[in-house]
Amino acid sequence: MKNIFVGNLSFGATEDSVKSLFQAHGIVDRVNIVTDRDSGKSRGFGFVEMPNDAEAERAIAALNGTELGGRTLNINEARPKTDSAASGGAFRRGGRSRW
Protein backbone atom coordinates (compact mmCIF):
# COMPACT_ATOMS: atom_id res chain seq x y z
CA MET A 1 0.00 0.00 0.00
CA LYS A 2 1.42 3.35 -1.08
CA ASN A 3 0.16 6.71 0.03
CA ILE A 4 0.82 9.32 -2.65
CA PHE A 5 0.94 13.08 -2.13
CA VAL A 6 -0.69 15.17 -4.88
CA GLY A 7 0.23 18.84 -4.66
CA ASN A 8 -0.68 21.98 -6.60
CA LEU A 9 -4.23 20.78 -7.27
CA SER A 10 -6.59 23.32 -8.74
CA PHE A 11 -9.18 24.42 -6.20
CA GLY A 12 -11.88 23.00 -8.47
CA ALA A 13 -10.38 19.50 -8.56
CA THR A 14 -12.63 16.75 -7.23
CA GLU A 15 -11.87 13.36 -5.73
CA ASP A 16 -13.43 11.78 -8.83
CA SER A 17 -11.20 13.73 -11.23
CA VAL A 18 -8.06 12.79 -9.29
CA LYS A 19 -9.18 9.17 -9.01
CA SER A 20 -9.78 8.87 -12.75
CA LEU A 21 -6.33 10.33 -13.43
CA PHE A 22 -4.65 7.69 -11.24
CA GLN A 23 -6.89 4.78 -12.30
CA ALA A 24 -5.25 4.86 -15.72
CA HIS A 25 -2.18 3.45 -13.92
CA GLY A 26 -3.76 0.94 -11.54
CA ILE A 27 -6.22 0.32 -8.74
CA VAL A 28 -7.03 3.26 -6.48
CA ASP A 29 -8.33 2.49 -2.99
CA ARG A 30 -8.98 6.01 -1.78
CA VAL A 31 -8.62 9.68 -2.70
CA ASN A 32 -8.69 12.45 -0.10
CA ILE A 33 -8.52 16.13 -1.06
CA VAL A 34 -7.59 18.15 2.01
CA THR A 35 -9.98 20.98 2.83
CA ASP A 36 -9.84 23.93 5.19
CA ARG A 37 -11.76 23.05 8.33
CA ASP A 38 -13.31 26.51 8.64
CA SER A 39 -14.27 27.30 5.03
CA GLY A 40 -14.52 23.77 3.62
CA LYS A 41 -12.57 24.88 0.54
CA SER A 42 -9.77 22.82 -0.97
CA ARG A 43 -6.27 23.57 0.33
CA GLY A 44 -4.79 22.60 -3.06
CA PHE A 45 -3.39 19.19 -2.16
CA GLY A 46 -4.51 15.68 -1.40
CA PHE A 47 -3.57 12.03 -1.09
CA VAL A 48 -4.17 8.92 -3.16
CA GLU A 49 -3.87 5.38 -1.77
CA MET A 50 -2.94 2.60 -4.19
CA PRO A 51 -2.65 -1.02 -2.95
CA ASN A 52 -0.06 -2.14 -5.50
CA ASP A 53 3.37 -0.55 -4.92
CA ALA A 54 4.55 -1.12 -8.51
CA GLU A 55 1.42 0.52 -9.96
CA ALA A 56 1.81 3.41 -7.53
CA GLU A 57 5.45 3.96 -8.55
CA ARG A 58 4.44 3.95 -12.22
CA ALA A 59 1.64 6.44 -11.52
CA ILE A 60 4.03 8.77 -9.67
CA ALA A 61 6.56 8.63 -12.52
CA ALA A 62 3.94 9.12 -15.22
CA LEU A 63 1.86 11.85 -13.56
CA ASN A 64 4.39 14.07 -11.78
CA GLY A 65 4.61 17.31 -13.75
CA THR A 66 1.41 16.72 -15.74
CA GLU A 67 -1.49 19.17 -15.76
CA LEU A 68 -4.93 18.86 -14.22
CA GLY A 69 -7.33 21.78 -14.30
CA GLY A 70 -4.67 24.11 -15.67
CA ARG A 71 -2.13 23.46 -12.90
CA THR A 72 1.07 21.41 -13.00
CA LEU A 73 0.85 18.61 -10.44
CA ASN A 74 3.55 17.81 -7.90
CA ILE A 75 3.26 14.08 -7.17
CA ASN A 76 5.46 11.96 -4.93
CA GLU A 77 5.28 9.33 -2.22
CA ALA A 78 3.77 10.83 0.91
CA ARG A 79 6.01 11.20 3.93
CA PRO A 80 4.79 9.92 7.30
CA LYS A 81 2.84 12.47 9.30
CA THR A 82 4.90 14.18 12.01
CA ASP A 83 3.68 15.13 15.45
CA SER A 84 2.85 18.84 15.23
CA ALA A 85 2.42 19.14 19.01
CA ALA A 86 6.21 19.10 19.43
CA SER A 87 6.44 22.37 17.51
CA GLY A 88 3.50 23.89 19.36
CA GLY A 89 1.14 23.50 16.41
CA ALA A 90 -1.56 21.80 18.45
CA PHE A 91 -1.53 24.54 21.08
CA ARG A 92 -1.31 27.64 18.92
CA ARG A 93 -4.16 29.63 17.51
CA GLY A 94 -3.99 33.03 15.90
CA GLY A 95 -0.22 33.21 16.36
CA ARG A 96 -0.41 33.36 20.15
CA SER A 97 0.35 30.58 22.58
CA ARG A 98 -2.47 29.46 24.83
CA TRP A 99 -0.05 28.83 27.71
C-alpha atoms as a PDB file:
ATOM      1  CA  MET A   1       0.000   0.000   0.000  1.00  0.00           C
ATOM      2  CA  LYS A   2       1.423   3.346  -1.079  1.00  0.00           C
ATOM      3  CA  ASN A   3       0.164   6.714   0.033  1.00  0.00           C
ATOM      4  CA  ILE A   4       0.818   9.322  -2.651  1.00  0.00           C
ATOM      5  CA  PHE A   5       0.940  13.085  -2.126  1.00  0.00           C
ATOM      6  CA  VAL A   6      -0.689  15.166  -4.875  1.00  0.00           C
ATOM      7  CA  GLY A   7       0.230  18.838  -4.664  1.00  0.00           C
ATOM      8  CA  ASN A   8      -0.684  21.979  -6.605  1.00  0.00           C
ATOM      9  CA  LEU A   9      -4.230  20.783  -7.268  1.00  0.00           C
ATOM     10  CA  SER A  10      -6.594  23.324  -8.738  1.00  0.00           C
ATOM     11  CA  PHE A  11      -9.175  24.416  -6.202  1.00  0.00           C
ATOM     12  CA  GLY A  12     -11.878  23.000  -8.468  1.00  0.00           C
ATOM     13  CA  ALA A  13     -10.377  19.497  -8.555  1.00  0.00           C
ATOM     14  CA  THR A  14     -12.633  16.749  -7.233  1.00  0.00           C
ATOM     15  CA  GLU A  15     -11.868  13.362  -5.726  1.00  0.00           C
ATOM     16  CA  ASP A  16     -13.430  11.780  -8.826  1.00  0.00           C
ATOM     17  CA  SER A  17     -11.201  13.727 -11.229  1.00  0.00           C
ATOM     18  CA  VAL A  18      -8.062  12.794  -9.294  1.00  0.00           C
ATOM     19  CA  LYS A  19      -9.183   9.165  -9.011  1.00  0.00           C
ATOM     20  CA  SER A  20      -9.776   8.871 -12.748  1.00  0.00           C
ATOM     21  CA  LEU A  21      -6.327  10.327 -13.429  1.00  0.00           C
ATOM     22  CA  PHE A  22      -4.651   7.688 -11.239  1.00  0.00           C
ATOM     23  CA  GLN A  23      -6.889   4.777 -12.302  1.00  0.00           C
ATOM     24  CA  ALA A  24      -5.247   4.862 -15.716  1.00  0.00           C
ATOM     25  CA  HIS A  25      -2.176   3.450 -13.923  1.00  0.00           C
ATOM     26  CA  GLY A  26      -3.759   0.942 -11.535  1.00  0.00           C
ATOM     27  CA  ILE A  27      -6.220   0.317  -8.742  1.00  0.00           C
ATOM     28  CA  VAL A  28      -7.032   3.264  -6.480  1.00  0.00           C
ATOM     29  CA  ASP A  29      -8.335   2.489  -2.990  1.00  0.00           C
ATOM     30  CA  ARG A  30      -8.981   6.015  -1.781  1.00  0.00           C
ATOM     31  CA  VAL A  31      -8.616   9.685  -2.695  1.00  0.00           C
ATOM     32  CA  ASN A  32      -8.686  12.453  -0.105  1.00  0.00           C
ATOM     33  CA  ILE A  33      -8.523  16.131  -1.065  1.00  0.00           C
ATOM     34  CA  VAL A  34      -7.595  18.153   2.005  1.00  0.00           C
ATOM     35  CA  THR A  35      -9.984  20.975   2.832  1.00  0.00           C
ATOM     36  CA  ASP A  36      -9.840  23.925   5.193  1.00  0.00           C
ATOM     37  CA  ARG A  37     -11.757  23.050   8.330  1.00  0.00           C
ATOM     38  CA  ASP A  38     -13.315  26.514   8.638  1.00  0.00           C
ATOM     39  CA  SER A  39     -14.268  27.304   5.033  1.00  0.00           C
ATOM     40  CA  GLY A  40     -14.516  23.769   3.620  1.00  0.00           C
ATOM     41  CA  LYS A  41     -12.572  24.881   0.538  1.00  0.00           C
ATOM     42  CA  SER A  42      -9.767  22.819  -0.965  1.00  0.00           C
ATOM     43  CA  ARG A  43      -6.268  23.571   0.326  1.00  0.00           C
ATOM     44  CA  GLY A  44      -4.787  22.596  -3.056  1.00  0.00           C
ATOM     45  CA  PHE A  45      -3.385  19.193  -2.164  1.00  0.00           C
ATOM     46  CA  GLY A  46      -4.515  15.684  -1.398  1.00  0.00           C
ATOM     47  CA  PHE A  47      -3.573  12.034  -1.088  1.00  0.00           C
ATOM     48  CA  VAL A  48      -4.174   8.919  -3.161  1.00  0.00           C
ATOM     49  CA  GLU A  49      -3.871   5.384  -1.774  1.00  0.00           C
ATOM     50  CA  MET A  50      -2.935   2.605  -4.189  1.00  0.00           C
ATOM     51  CA  PRO A  51      -2.654  -1.021  -2.947  1.00  0.00           C
ATOM     52  CA  ASN A  52      -0.062  -2.135  -5.497  1.00  0.00           C
ATOM     53  CA  ASP A  53       3.372  -0.551  -4.923  1.00  0.00           C
ATOM     54  CA  ALA A  54       4.555  -1.116  -8.511  1.00  0.00           C
ATOM     55  CA  GLU A  55       1.425   0.521  -9.957  1.00  0.00           C
ATOM     56  CA  ALA A  56       1.810   3.408  -7.526  1.00  0.00           C
ATOM     57  CA  GLU A  57       5.452   3.959  -8.554  1.00  0.00           C
ATOM     58  CA  ARG A  58       4.441   3.952 -12.224  1.00  0.00           C
ATOM     59  CA  ALA A  59       1.640   6.440 -11.515  1.00  0.00           C
ATOM     60  CA  ILE A  60       4.030   8.773  -9.670  1.00  0.00           C
ATOM     61  CA  ALA A  61       6.563   8.626 -12.516  1.00  0.00           C
ATOM     62  CA  ALA A  62       3.936   9.118 -15.215  1.00  0.00           C
ATOM     63  CA  LEU A  63       1.857  11.851 -13.555  1.00  0.00           C
ATOM     64  CA  ASN A  64       4.394  14.069 -11.777  1.00  0.00           C
ATOM     65  CA  GLY A  65       4.608  17.312 -13.751  1.00  0.00           C
ATOM     66  CA  THR A  66       1.409  16.723 -15.742  1.00  0.00           C
ATOM     67  CA  GLU A  67      -1.495  19.169 -15.759  1.00  0.00           C
ATOM     68  CA  LEU A  68      -4.933  18.859 -14.220  1.00  0.00           C
ATOM     69  CA  GLY A  69      -7.329  21.782 -14.295  1.00  0.00           C
ATOM     70  CA  GLY A  70      -4.671  24.114 -15.669  1.00  0.00           C
ATOM     71  CA  ARG A  71      -2.134  23.460 -12.897  1.00  0.00           C
ATOM     72  CA  THR A  72       1.066  21.412 -12.996  1.00  0.00           C
ATOM     73  CA  LEU A  73       0.848  18.612 -10.440  1.00  0.00           C
ATOM     74  CA  ASN A  74       3.552  17.814  -7.899  1.00  0.00           C
ATOM     75  CA  ILE A  75       3.259  14.079  -7.173  1.00  0.00           C
ATOM     76  CA  ASN A  76       5.459  11.958  -4.932  1.00  0.00           C
ATOM     77  CA  GLU A  77       5.283   9.327  -2.224  1.00  0.00           C
ATOM     78  CA  ALA A  78       3.766  10.834   0.914  1.00  0.00           C
ATOM     79  CA  ARG A  79       6.009  11.205   3.931  1.00  0.00           C
ATOM     80  CA  PRO A  80       4.789   9.918   7.300  1.00  0.00           C
ATOM     81  CA  LYS A  81       2.840  12.465   9.304  1.00  0.00           C
ATOM     82  CA  THR A  82       4.897  14.176  12.007  1.00  0.00           C
ATOM     83  CA  ASP A  83       3.684  15.129  15.452  1.00  0.00           C
ATOM     84  CA  SER A  84       2.848  18.843  15.225  1.00  0.00           C
ATOM     85  CA  ALA A  85       2.423  19.140  19.012  1.00  0.00           C
ATOM     86  CA  ALA A  86       6.209  19.098  19.428  1.00  0.00           C
ATOM     87  CA  SER A  87       6.436  22.374  17.514  1.00  0.00           C
ATOM     88  CA  GLY A  88       3.498  23.892  19.360  1.00  0.00           C
ATOM     89  CA  GLY A  89       1.139  23.501  16.407  1.00  0.00           C
ATOM     90  CA  ALA A  90      -1.562  21.796  18.452  1.00  0.00           C
ATOM     91  CA  PHE A  91      -1.530  24.537  21.075  1.00  0.00           C
ATOM     92  CA  ARG A  92      -1.312  27.636  18.919  1.00  0.00           C
ATOM     93  CA  ARG A  93      -4.163  29.631  17.511  1.00  0.00           C
ATOM     94  CA  GLY A  94      -3.991  33.029  15.902  1.00  0.00           C
ATOM     95  CA  GLY A  95      -0.221  33.210  16.360  1.00  0.00           C
ATOM     96  CA  ARG A  96      -0.414  33.357  20.149  1.00  0.00           C
ATOM     97  CA  SER A  97       0.353  30.578  22.578  1.00  0.00           C
ATOM     98  CA  ARG A  98      -2.473  29.457  24.829  1.00  0.00           C
ATOM     99  CA  TRP A  99      -0.051  28.830  27.705  1.00  0.00           C
END
